[in-house]
């Protein structure tokens, strides 16, 4: 799960539900984000920065 190493052990600051794209965004300190949405029936997550 190296994809999520950037947000591991970071403090969660805010949850945007729904976000501007119709999914959920978790906002962590140090400007780190986890965008979660459902695409074609599957859960898709993107960590920024990755």
Protein backbone atom coordinates (compact mmCIF):
# COMPACT_ATOMS: atom_id res chain seq x y z
CA UNK A 1 0.00 0.00 0.00
CA UNK A 2 2.86 2.36 -0.80
CA UNK A 3 0.32 4.44 -2.70
CA UNK A 4 -1.00 5.80 0.60
CA UNK A 5 2.31 6.34 2.41
CA UNK A 6 1.91 10.13 2.06
CA UNK A 7 -1.18 10.19 4.29
CA UNK A 8 -0.25 7.40 6.67
CA UNK A 9 -0.26 8.60 10.30
CA UNK A 10 -1.31 12.15 9.27
CA UNK A 11 -3.97 14.00 11.28
CA UNK A 12 -7.37 14.15 9.56
CA UNK A 13 -8.56 17.77 9.41
CA UNK A 14 -11.76 17.72 7.33
CA UNK A 15 -14.14 15.41 5.47
CA UNK A 16 -15.84 16.85 2.38
CA UNK A 17 -18.97 14.78 1.69
CA UNK A 18 -19.90 15.19 -1.10
CA UNK A 19 -16.96 16.90 -2.70
CA UNK A 20 -17.09 18.85 -5.97
CA UNK A 21 -16.77 15.60 -7.99
CA UNK A 22 -19.58 13.77 -6.18
CA UNK A 23 -17.27 11.60 -4.09
CA UNK A 24 -15.68 12.04 -0.69
CA UNK A 25 -12.45 13.89 0.04
CA UNK A 26 -10.46 13.41 3.22
CA UNK A 27 -8.25 16.42 3.99
CA UNK A 28 -5.13 15.81 6.08
CA UNK A 29 -2.60 18.26 7.50
CA UNK A 30 0.29 19.40 5.28
CA UNK A 31 -2.06 19.78 2.25
CA UNK A 32 -2.56 16.05 1.68
CA UNK A 33 -5.82 14.73 0.26
CA UNK A 34 -7.50 11.37 -0.35
CA UNK A 35 -10.22 11.49 -3.01
CA UNK A 36 -12.65 8.54 -2.95
CA UNK A 37 -15.41 7.85 -5.48
CA UNK A 38 -17.26 4.99 -7.15
CA UNK A 39 -16.56 4.46 -10.86
CA UNK A 40 -18.40 1.69 -12.73
CA UNK A 41 -19.36 0.05 -9.44
CA UNK A 42 -15.80 -0.01 -8.09
CA UNK A 43 -14.26 2.08 -5.34
CA UNK A 44 -11.46 4.34 -6.66
CA UNK A 45 -9.08 6.21 -4.36
CA UNK A 46 -6.47 8.80 -5.30
CA UNK A 47 -3.94 10.23 -2.87
CA UNK A 48 -2.58 13.73 -3.53
CA UNK A 49 0.36 14.06 -3.44
CA UNK A 50 0.91 10.42 -4.29
